[in-house]
């Protein structure tokens, strides 16, 4: 089985091996226990025009360019913070890539992703960090995951969502 993809303007062919030990030995992804304090309400503000946003990748020399439709502001631990949002998988929904003070300690260092339902008419969104997920590169060195934009590096420890996969903890091979 193979996958054909385009990354950073380049075509690539990626083999898929269903019996590869990375897949067959997978034991699951640890996660923090859900905690309601990590579900926060924010306000989404659309940019006048989507902003092309260039971000790095877990593969050296590769860059990704995404159109950022807006920014989300929210309060966490008494501080006002913001995240640049990208388009989600379904029309109207949003997605943010972020790091925080747990990145590289208990969570995957490159980033985690948070999918957000479409904003309400007044721009209200719910950021439920309990649902923060690892990107594919948390599981294999062969993924080309984007890194978050610099402004999405949060200065607090968000102890919510997925942690470093067990296999990466054992090998410490998550360091890029």
N, C-alpha and C. Protein backbone atom coordinates (compact mmCIF):
# COMPACT_ATOMS: atom_id res chain seq x y z
N UNK A 1 0.84 -1.16 0.00
CA UNK A 1 0.00 0.00 0.00
C UNK A 1 0.91 1.24 0.00
N UNK A 2 0.53 2.27 -0.78
CA UNK A 2 1.31 3.51 -0.81
C UNK A 2 0.38 4.72 -0.70
N UNK A 3 0.96 5.81 -0.28
CA UNK A 3 0.25 7.09 -0.22
C UNK A 3 1.02 8.06 -1.09
N UNK A 4 0.30 8.81 -1.89
CA UNK A 4 0.91 9.88 -2.68
C UNK A 4 0.45 11.19 -2.05
N UNK A 5 1.39 12.06 -1.76
CA UNK A 5 1.06 13.31 -1.08
C UNK A 5 1.91 14.44 -1.64
N UNK A 6 1.54 15.65 -1.28
CA UNK A 6 2.30 16.84 -1.66
C UNK A 6 2.61 17.59 -0.37
N UNK A 7 3.88 17.88 -0.14
CA UNK A 7 4.32 18.59 1.05
C UNK A 7 5.30 19.67 0.63
N UNK A 8 5.02 20.91 1.02
CA UNK A 8 5.92 22.02 0.71
C UNK A 8 6.16 22.18 -0.77
N UNK A 9 5.15 21.87 -1.59
CA UNK A 9 5.28 22.01 -3.03
C UNK A 9 5.99 20.85 -3.70
N UNK A 10 6.33 19.82 -2.93
CA UNK A 10 7.01 18.65 -3.48
C UNK A 10 6.11 17.43 -3.39
N UNK A 11 6.19 16.58 -4.40
CA UNK A 11 5.45 15.33 -4.38
C UNK A 11 6.25 14.28 -3.62
N UNK A 12 5.53 13.39 -2.92
CA UNK A 12 6.21 12.31 -2.25
C UNK A 12 5.38 11.05 -2.32
N UNK A 13 6.07 9.94 -2.25
CA UNK A 13 5.42 8.63 -2.20
C UNK A 13 5.81 8.01 -0.87
N UNK A 14 4.82 7.60 -0.10
CA UNK A 14 5.06 7.05 1.22
C UNK A 14 4.50 5.62 1.26
N UNK A 15 5.38 4.63 1.47
CA UNK A 15 4.87 3.25 1.59
C UNK A 15 4.16 3.06 2.92
N UNK A 16 3.15 2.22 2.93
CA UNK A 16 2.42 1.86 4.15
C UNK A 16 2.56 0.35 4.32
N UNK A 17 3.05 -0.05 5.47
CA UNK A 17 3.24 -1.47 5.76
C UNK A 17 2.37 -1.86 6.95
N UNK A 18 1.23 -2.51 6.69
CA UNK A 18 0.31 -2.85 7.78
C UNK A 18 0.93 -3.72 8.88
N UNK A 19 1.96 -4.46 8.56
CA UNK A 19 2.58 -5.33 9.57
C UNK A 19 3.84 -4.73 10.20
N UNK A 20 4.10 -3.46 9.96
CA UNK A 20 5.28 -2.82 10.52
C UNK A 20 5.20 -2.85 12.05
N UNK A 21 6.31 -3.11 12.73
CA UNK A 21 6.30 -3.17 14.20
C UNK A 21 5.79 -1.89 14.89
N UNK A 22 5.98 -0.71 14.28
CA UNK A 22 5.44 0.51 14.88
C UNK A 22 3.93 0.44 15.02
N UNK A 23 3.28 -0.26 14.09
CA UNK A 23 1.83 -0.39 14.14
C UNK A 23 1.41 -1.59 14.98
N UNK A 24 2.04 -2.72 14.76
CA UNK A 24 1.59 -3.94 15.46
C UNK A 24 1.94 -3.93 16.94
N UNK A 25 2.98 -3.22 17.34
CA UNK A 25 3.38 -3.18 18.75
C UNK A 25 2.75 -1.99 19.50
N UNK A 26 1.94 -1.21 18.81
CA UNK A 26 1.35 -0.03 19.42
C UNK A 26 0.50 -0.42 20.62
N UNK A 27 0.71 0.26 21.74
CA UNK A 27 -0.02 -0.07 22.97
C UNK A 27 -0.99 1.03 23.41
N UNK A 28 -1.14 2.05 22.62
CA UNK A 28 -2.08 3.11 22.97
C UNK A 28 -1.39 4.41 23.31
N UNK A 29 -2.18 5.43 23.47
CA UNK A 29 -1.67 6.76 23.78
C UNK A 29 -2.16 7.16 25.17
N UNK A 30 -1.25 7.44 26.09
CA UNK A 30 -1.69 7.91 27.40
C UNK A 30 -2.26 9.31 27.28
N UNK A 31 -3.13 9.64 28.21
CA UNK A 31 -3.74 10.97 28.22
C UNK A 31 -4.00 11.40 29.66
N UNK A 32 -4.06 12.69 29.84
CA UNK A 32 -4.45 13.23 31.14
C UNK A 32 -5.92 12.88 31.38
N UNK A 33 -6.29 12.74 32.64
CA UNK A 33 -7.70 12.55 32.99
C UNK A 33 -8.46 13.82 32.61
N UNK A 34 -9.63 13.68 32.01
CA UNK A 34 -10.41 14.88 31.64
C UNK A 34 -10.68 15.75 32.87
N UNK A 35 -10.58 17.05 32.67
CA UNK A 35 -10.79 18.00 33.75
C UNK A 35 -11.54 19.20 33.17
N UNK A 36 -12.72 19.52 33.73
CA UNK A 36 -13.52 20.62 33.17
C UNK A 36 -12.80 21.98 33.14
N UNK A 37 -11.79 22.17 33.97
CA UNK A 37 -11.11 23.47 33.98
C UNK A 37 -10.35 23.74 32.68
N UNK A 38 -10.11 22.67 31.88
CA UNK A 38 -9.39 22.84 30.62
C UNK A 38 -10.32 23.06 29.43
N UNK A 39 -11.61 23.17 29.67
CA UNK A 39 -12.57 23.54 28.62
C UNK A 39 -12.91 25.01 28.84
N UNK A 40 -12.35 25.87 28.00
CA UNK A 40 -12.50 27.31 28.19
C UNK A 40 -13.23 27.94 27.01
N UNK A 41 -13.94 28.99 27.29
CA UNK A 41 -14.64 29.74 26.25
C UNK A 41 -13.73 30.84 25.74
N UNK A 42 -13.73 31.00 24.44
CA UNK A 42 -12.93 32.03 23.82
C UNK A 42 -13.73 32.81 22.80
N UNK A 43 -13.09 33.78 22.19
CA UNK A 43 -13.73 34.59 21.16
C UNK A 43 -12.89 34.53 19.89
N UNK A 44 -13.53 34.13 18.82
CA UNK A 44 -12.88 34.06 17.51
C UNK A 44 -13.12 35.37 16.78
N UNK A 45 -12.05 35.93 16.22
CA UNK A 45 -12.14 37.14 15.40
C UNK A 45 -11.54 36.81 14.04
N UNK A 46 -12.36 36.93 13.01
CA UNK A 46 -11.89 36.65 11.65
C UNK A 46 -11.01 37.80 11.17
N UNK A 47 -9.98 37.45 10.41
CA UNK A 47 -9.18 38.46 9.74
C UNK A 47 -9.99 38.99 8.56
N UNK A 48 -9.74 40.22 8.09
CA UNK A 48 -10.46 40.73 6.92
C UNK A 48 -10.31 39.79 5.71
N UNK A 49 -9.13 39.22 5.57
CA UNK A 49 -8.84 38.23 4.52
C UNK A 49 -8.01 37.13 5.17
N UNK A 50 -8.19 35.87 4.78
CA UNK A 50 -7.32 34.82 5.34
C UNK A 50 -5.86 35.18 5.12
N UNK A 51 -5.03 34.93 6.13
CA UNK A 51 -3.61 35.27 6.06
C UNK A 51 -2.79 34.02 5.77
N UNK A 52 -2.06 34.02 4.65
CA UNK A 52 -1.15 32.90 4.42
C UNK A 52 -0.13 32.86 5.56
N UNK A 53 0.00 31.72 6.20
CA UNK A 53 0.88 31.57 7.36
C UNK A 53 1.85 30.44 7.09
N UNK A 54 3.13 30.76 7.05
CA UNK A 54 4.16 29.76 6.80
C UNK A 54 4.64 29.22 8.14
N UNK A 55 4.65 27.90 8.26
CA UNK A 55 5.14 27.25 9.47
C UNK A 55 6.17 26.21 9.07
N UNK A 56 7.05 25.91 10.01
CA UNK A 56 8.05 24.87 9.78
C UNK A 56 7.41 23.49 9.83
N UNK A 57 8.26 22.49 9.76
CA UNK A 57 7.80 21.10 9.79
C UNK A 57 8.78 20.28 10.62
N UNK A 58 8.34 19.09 10.99
CA UNK A 58 9.22 18.21 11.75
C UNK A 58 10.34 17.66 10.89
N UNK A 59 10.24 17.85 9.59
CA UNK A 59 11.29 17.45 8.65
C UNK A 59 12.08 18.70 8.31
N UNK A 60 13.36 18.69 8.58
CA UNK A 60 14.19 19.87 8.35
C UNK A 60 14.13 20.30 6.88
N UNK A 61 13.99 21.63 6.68
CA UNK A 61 13.98 22.18 5.34
C UNK A 61 12.61 22.23 4.70
N UNK A 62 11.61 21.63 5.32
CA UNK A 62 10.25 21.61 4.77
C UNK A 62 9.42 22.69 5.46
N UNK A 63 8.58 23.37 4.70
CA UNK A 63 7.65 24.34 5.27
C UNK A 63 6.26 24.06 4.75
N UNK A 64 5.29 24.41 5.56
CA UNK A 64 3.88 24.31 5.18
C UNK A 64 3.31 25.73 5.16
N UNK A 65 2.38 25.98 4.24
CA UNK A 65 1.70 27.27 4.19
C UNK A 65 0.20 27.00 4.30
N UNK A 66 -0.40 27.60 5.32
CA UNK A 66 -1.84 27.45 5.55
C UNK A 66 -2.47 28.84 5.55
N UNK A 67 -3.71 28.91 5.11
CA UNK A 67 -4.47 30.16 5.23
C UNK A 67 -5.08 30.19 6.63
N UNK A 68 -4.73 31.20 7.39
CA UNK A 68 -5.30 31.38 8.73
C UNK A 68 -6.48 32.34 8.61
N UNK A 69 -7.70 31.86 8.90
CA UNK A 69 -8.85 32.74 8.76
C UNK A 69 -9.05 33.71 9.92
N UNK A 70 -8.40 33.45 11.08
CA UNK A 70 -8.60 34.35 12.21
C UNK A 70 -7.83 33.93 13.44
N UNK A 71 -8.17 34.56 14.54
CA UNK A 71 -7.47 34.34 15.81
C UNK A 71 -8.48 34.15 16.92
N UNK A 72 -8.11 33.34 17.91
CA UNK A 72 -8.96 33.07 19.06
C UNK A 72 -8.29 33.65 20.30
N UNK A 73 -9.04 34.42 21.08
CA UNK A 73 -8.55 34.96 22.36
C UNK A 73 -9.33 34.27 23.47
N UNK A 74 -8.62 33.98 24.58
CA UNK A 74 -9.26 33.29 25.70
C UNK A 74 -8.48 33.58 26.98
N UNK A 75 -9.08 33.27 28.11
CA UNK A 75 -8.46 33.44 29.41
C UNK A 75 -8.10 32.06 29.95
N UNK A 76 -6.89 31.95 30.48
CA UNK A 76 -6.46 30.70 31.10
C UNK A 76 -5.52 31.05 32.24
N UNK A 77 -5.81 30.52 33.38
CA UNK A 77 -5.02 30.78 34.58
C UNK A 77 -4.82 32.28 34.82
N UNK A 78 -5.89 33.06 34.60
CA UNK A 78 -5.85 34.48 34.85
C UNK A 78 -5.11 35.31 33.82
N UNK A 79 -4.74 34.68 32.71
CA UNK A 79 -3.99 35.38 31.67
C UNK A 79 -4.78 35.36 30.36
N UNK A 80 -4.68 36.46 29.61
CA UNK A 80 -5.28 36.50 28.28
C UNK A 80 -4.28 35.91 27.29
N UNK A 81 -4.75 34.98 26.50
CA UNK A 81 -3.89 34.31 25.51
C UNK A 81 -4.59 34.31 24.16
N UNK A 82 -3.83 33.98 23.14
CA UNK A 82 -4.40 33.91 21.80
C UNK A 82 -3.76 32.81 20.98
N UNK A 83 -4.52 32.30 20.04
CA UNK A 83 -4.05 31.26 19.11
C UNK A 83 -4.49 31.61 17.70
N UNK A 84 -3.58 31.53 16.76
CA UNK A 84 -3.94 31.66 15.36
C UNK A 84 -4.62 30.36 14.94
N UNK A 85 -5.77 30.50 14.29
CA UNK A 85 -6.56 29.34 13.90
C UNK A 85 -6.42 29.06 12.40
N UNK A 86 -6.51 27.80 12.07
CA UNK A 86 -6.54 27.36 10.68
C UNK A 86 -7.90 26.72 10.41
N UNK A 87 -8.22 26.51 9.15
CA UNK A 87 -9.48 25.86 8.81
C UNK A 87 -9.46 24.41 9.28
N UNK A 88 -10.60 23.97 9.80
CA UNK A 88 -10.74 22.59 10.25
C UNK A 88 -11.10 21.66 9.11
N UNK A 89 -11.42 20.42 9.47
CA UNK A 89 -11.74 19.40 8.46
C UNK A 89 -13.10 19.60 7.82
N UNK A 90 -14.02 20.26 8.53
CA UNK A 90 -15.34 20.51 7.96
C UNK A 90 -15.54 22.02 7.85
N UNK A 91 -16.32 22.47 6.87
CA UNK A 91 -16.51 23.91 6.67
C UNK A 91 -16.98 24.62 7.94
N UNK A 92 -16.31 25.73 8.26
CA UNK A 92 -16.67 26.52 9.42
C UNK A 92 -15.91 26.15 10.68
N UNK A 93 -15.50 24.88 10.78
CA UNK A 93 -14.75 24.45 11.97
C UNK A 93 -13.32 24.97 11.89
N UNK A 94 -12.67 25.00 13.03
CA UNK A 94 -11.31 25.53 13.13
C UNK A 94 -10.38 24.48 13.72
N UNK A 95 -9.09 24.71 13.57
CA UNK A 95 -8.07 23.84 14.14
C UNK A 95 -6.91 24.73 14.55
N UNK A 96 -6.34 24.45 15.73
CA UNK A 96 -5.14 25.15 16.15
C UNK A 96 -4.04 24.14 16.46
N UNK A 97 -2.83 24.50 16.13
CA UNK A 97 -1.64 23.76 16.52
C UNK A 97 -0.98 24.57 17.61
N UNK A 98 -0.56 23.92 18.70
CA UNK A 98 0.03 24.67 19.80
C UNK A 98 1.06 23.84 20.55
N UNK A 99 1.93 24.54 21.26
CA UNK A 99 2.79 23.94 22.26
C UNK A 99 2.53 24.69 23.56
N UNK A 100 2.98 24.10 24.65
CA UNK A 100 2.81 24.71 25.96
C UNK A 100 3.94 24.22 26.85
N UNK A 101 3.89 24.55 28.13
CA UNK A 101 4.98 24.20 29.04
C UNK A 101 5.10 22.69 29.29
N UNK A 102 4.13 21.89 28.85
CA UNK A 102 4.26 20.43 28.97
C UNK A 102 4.96 19.81 27.76
N UNK A 103 5.12 20.59 26.69
CA UNK A 103 5.69 20.06 25.44
C UNK A 103 7.13 19.59 25.66
N UNK A 104 7.38 18.33 25.33
CA UNK A 104 8.70 17.74 25.52
C UNK A 104 8.93 17.21 26.92
N UNK A 105 7.97 17.43 27.81
CA UNK A 105 8.07 16.93 29.18
C UNK A 105 7.11 15.74 29.33
N UNK A 106 5.81 16.03 29.25
CA UNK A 106 4.80 14.96 29.31
C UNK A 106 4.02 14.85 28.01
N UNK A 107 4.09 15.88 27.17
CA UNK A 107 3.39 15.84 25.89
C UNK A 107 4.41 15.93 24.75
N UNK A 108 3.97 15.54 23.57
CA UNK A 108 4.85 15.50 22.41
C UNK A 108 5.43 16.89 22.15
N UNK A 109 6.75 17.00 21.96
CA UNK A 109 7.39 18.32 21.88
C UNK A 109 7.02 19.17 20.66
N UNK A 110 6.75 18.56 19.50
CA UNK A 110 6.53 19.36 18.29
C UNK A 110 5.24 20.16 18.35
N UNK A 111 4.16 19.54 18.79
CA UNK A 111 2.89 20.24 18.93
C UNK A 111 1.79 19.26 19.29
N UNK A 112 0.65 19.81 19.59
CA UNK A 112 -0.60 19.07 19.67
C UNK A 112 -1.62 19.87 18.87
N UNK A 113 -2.69 19.22 18.47
CA UNK A 113 -3.74 19.87 17.69
C UNK A 113 -5.03 19.88 18.50
N UNK A 114 -5.81 20.92 18.28
CA UNK A 114 -7.11 21.03 18.91
C UNK A 114 -8.12 21.42 17.83
N UNK A 115 -9.13 20.59 17.66
CA UNK A 115 -10.19 20.87 16.70
C UNK A 115 -11.32 21.57 17.43
N UNK A 116 -11.86 22.61 16.81
CA UNK A 116 -12.82 23.50 17.45
C UNK A 116 -14.05 23.62 16.56
N UNK A 117 -15.23 23.46 17.18
CA UNK A 117 -16.47 23.63 16.42
C UNK A 117 -16.58 25.06 15.91
N UNK A 118 -17.39 25.22 14.86
CA UNK A 118 -17.59 26.54 14.25
C UNK A 118 -17.99 27.57 15.30
N UNK A 119 -17.47 28.78 15.18
CA UNK A 119 -17.84 29.83 16.13
C UNK A 119 -19.33 30.14 16.08
N UNK A 120 -19.87 30.57 17.24
CA UNK A 120 -21.25 31.03 17.28
C UNK A 120 -21.37 32.36 16.57
N UNK A 121 -22.59 32.87 16.42
CA UNK A 121 -22.80 34.15 15.72
C UNK A 121 -22.03 35.32 16.33
N UNK A 122 -21.76 35.23 17.63
CA UNK A 122 -21.01 36.30 18.30
C UNK A 122 -19.52 36.00 18.39
N UNK A 123 -19.07 34.94 17.71
CA UNK A 123 -17.65 34.56 17.71
C UNK A 123 -17.24 33.65 18.85
N UNK A 124 -18.19 33.24 19.68
CA UNK A 124 -17.87 32.38 20.82
C UNK A 124 -17.46 30.98 20.34
N UNK A 125 -16.37 30.49 20.92
CA UNK A 125 -15.89 29.13 20.66
C UNK A 125 -15.54 28.48 22.00
N UNK A 126 -15.54 27.16 22.01
CA UNK A 126 -15.08 26.42 23.19
C UNK A 126 -13.80 25.70 22.81
N UNK A 127 -12.75 25.97 23.58
CA UNK A 127 -11.48 25.28 23.41
C UNK A 127 -11.41 24.22 24.50
N UNK A 128 -11.67 22.98 24.15
CA UNK A 128 -11.63 21.90 25.13
C UNK A 128 -10.29 21.20 25.00
N UNK A 129 -9.31 21.68 25.76
CA UNK A 129 -7.96 21.13 25.69
C UNK A 129 -7.90 19.67 26.12
N UNK A 130 -8.94 19.16 26.77
CA UNK A 130 -9.02 17.73 27.08
C UNK A 130 -9.00 16.90 25.80
N UNK A 131 -9.34 17.52 24.69
CA UNK A 131 -9.40 16.83 23.40
C UNK A 131 -8.17 17.10 22.52
N UNK A 132 -7.12 17.67 23.10
CA UNK A 132 -5.89 17.93 22.34
C UNK A 132 -5.26 16.60 21.92
N UNK A 133 -4.90 16.50 20.65
CA UNK A 133 -4.38 15.25 20.11
C UNK A 133 -2.97 15.41 19.55
N UNK A 134 -2.28 14.29 19.50
CA UNK A 134 -0.95 14.25 18.91
C UNK A 134 -1.05 14.23 17.39
N UNK A 135 -0.06 14.81 16.72
CA UNK A 135 0.01 14.70 15.26
C UNK A 135 0.63 13.35 14.89
N UNK A 136 0.56 12.95 13.61
CA UNK A 136 1.15 11.68 13.19
C UNK A 136 2.64 11.54 13.52
N UNK A 137 3.38 12.65 13.51
CA UNK A 137 4.81 12.57 13.78
C UNK A 137 5.12 12.17 15.22
N UNK A 138 4.13 12.19 16.10
CA UNK A 138 4.34 11.71 17.47
C UNK A 138 4.52 10.20 17.48
N UNK A 139 4.11 9.55 16.40
CA UNK A 139 4.12 8.09 16.33
C UNK A 139 5.18 7.53 15.39
N UNK A 140 5.64 8.33 14.45
CA UNK A 140 6.63 7.86 13.49
C UNK A 140 7.52 9.01 13.02
N UNK A 141 8.78 8.71 12.78
CA UNK A 141 9.71 9.72 12.28
C UNK A 141 9.52 9.99 10.79
N UNK A 142 8.61 9.25 10.15
CA UNK A 142 8.42 9.38 8.71
C UNK A 142 7.29 10.34 8.34
N UNK A 143 6.69 11.01 9.32
CA UNK A 143 5.62 11.97 9.05
C UNK A 143 6.22 13.36 8.84
N UNK A 144 5.49 14.22 8.17
CA UNK A 144 5.96 15.56 7.82
C UNK A 144 5.12 16.63 8.50
N UNK A 145 4.84 16.47 9.75
CA UNK A 145 3.91 17.34 10.49
C UNK A 145 4.35 18.80 10.51
N UNK A 146 3.35 19.69 10.43
CA UNK A 146 3.64 21.11 10.57
C UNK A 146 3.91 21.45 12.03
N UNK A 147 4.69 22.49 12.23
CA UNK A 147 4.91 23.03 13.57
C UNK A 147 3.94 24.19 13.77
N UNK A 148 3.63 24.53 15.01
CA UNK A 148 2.72 25.66 15.21
C UNK A 148 3.41 26.98 14.91
N UNK A 149 2.63 28.00 14.54
CA UNK A 149 3.24 29.32 14.38
C UNK A 149 3.77 29.80 15.73
N UNK A 150 4.75 30.65 15.72
CA UNK A 150 5.41 31.12 16.96
C UNK A 150 4.40 31.66 17.97
N UNK A 151 3.37 32.35 17.51
CA UNK A 151 2.40 32.94 18.43
C UNK A 151 1.51 31.89 19.11
N UNK A 152 1.61 30.62 18.70
CA UNK A 152 0.80 29.57 19.30
C UNK A 152 1.59 28.75 20.33
N UNK A 153 2.68 29.33 20.81
CA UNK A 153 3.46 28.69 21.89
C UNK A 153 2.99 29.29 23.21
N UNK A 154 2.17 28.54 23.93
CA UNK A 154 1.55 29.06 25.15
C UNK A 154 2.50 28.93 26.34
N UNK A 155 2.54 29.95 27.20
CA UNK A 155 3.49 29.97 28.32
C UNK A 155 3.01 29.25 29.57
N UNK A 156 1.93 28.49 29.48
CA UNK A 156 1.39 27.76 30.64
C UNK A 156 1.44 26.26 30.37
N UNK A 157 1.33 25.47 31.42
CA UNK A 157 1.30 24.01 31.29
C UNK A 157 -0.15 23.57 31.17
N UNK A 158 -0.53 23.12 29.98
CA UNK A 158 -1.89 22.63 29.75
C UNK A 158 -1.86 21.11 29.95
N UNK A 159 -2.18 20.70 31.17
CA UNK A 159 -2.16 19.28 31.54
C UNK A 159 -3.48 18.65 31.18
N UNK A 160 -3.70 18.54 29.87
CA UNK A 160 -4.94 18.02 29.31
C UNK A 160 -4.64 17.40 27.96
N UNK A 161 -5.47 16.44 27.56
CA UNK A 161 -5.32 15.83 26.24
C UNK A 161 -4.28 14.73 26.22
N UNK A 162 -3.85 14.39 25.00
CA UNK A 162 -2.91 13.28 24.81
C UNK A 162 -1.50 13.63 25.26
N UNK A 163 -0.83 12.59 25.78
CA UNK A 163 0.56 12.70 26.21
C UNK A 163 1.46 12.04 25.16
N UNK A 164 2.76 11.98 25.45
CA UNK A 164 3.72 11.32 24.57
C UNK A 164 3.34 9.84 24.48
N UNK A 165 3.26 9.27 23.27
CA UNK A 165 2.95 7.85 23.14
C UNK A 165 3.96 6.97 23.90
N UNK A 166 3.46 5.86 24.46
CA UNK A 166 4.31 4.95 25.24
C UNK A 166 5.59 4.57 24.51
N UNK A 167 5.48 4.25 23.22
CA UNK A 167 6.64 3.81 22.46
C UNK A 167 7.71 4.89 22.36
N UNK A 168 7.32 6.15 22.32
CA UNK A 168 8.27 7.25 22.25
C UNK A 168 8.93 7.48 23.61
N UNK A 169 8.19 7.26 24.70
CA UNK A 169 8.76 7.41 26.03
C UNK A 169 9.88 6.38 26.22
N UNK A 170 9.63 5.16 25.75
CA UNK A 170 10.62 4.09 25.92
C UNK A 170 11.88 4.35 25.12
N UNK A 171 11.73 4.90 23.91
CA UNK A 171 12.90 5.06 23.03
C UNK A 171 13.44 6.48 23.04
N UNK A 172 12.65 7.42 23.54
CA UNK A 172 12.98 8.85 23.49
C UNK A 172 13.27 9.27 22.05
N UNK A 173 12.69 8.55 21.09
CA UNK A 173 12.95 8.86 19.69
C UNK A 173 12.09 9.98 19.16
N UNK A 174 11.34 10.64 20.05
CA UNK A 174 10.51 11.75 19.58
C UNK A 174 11.30 13.02 19.38
N UNK A 175 12.54 13.05 19.82
CA UNK A 175 13.32 14.28 19.69
C UNK A 175 13.77 14.47 18.25
N UNK A 176 13.43 15.61 17.68
CA UNK A 176 13.80 15.91 16.27
C UNK A 176 14.94 16.87 16.23
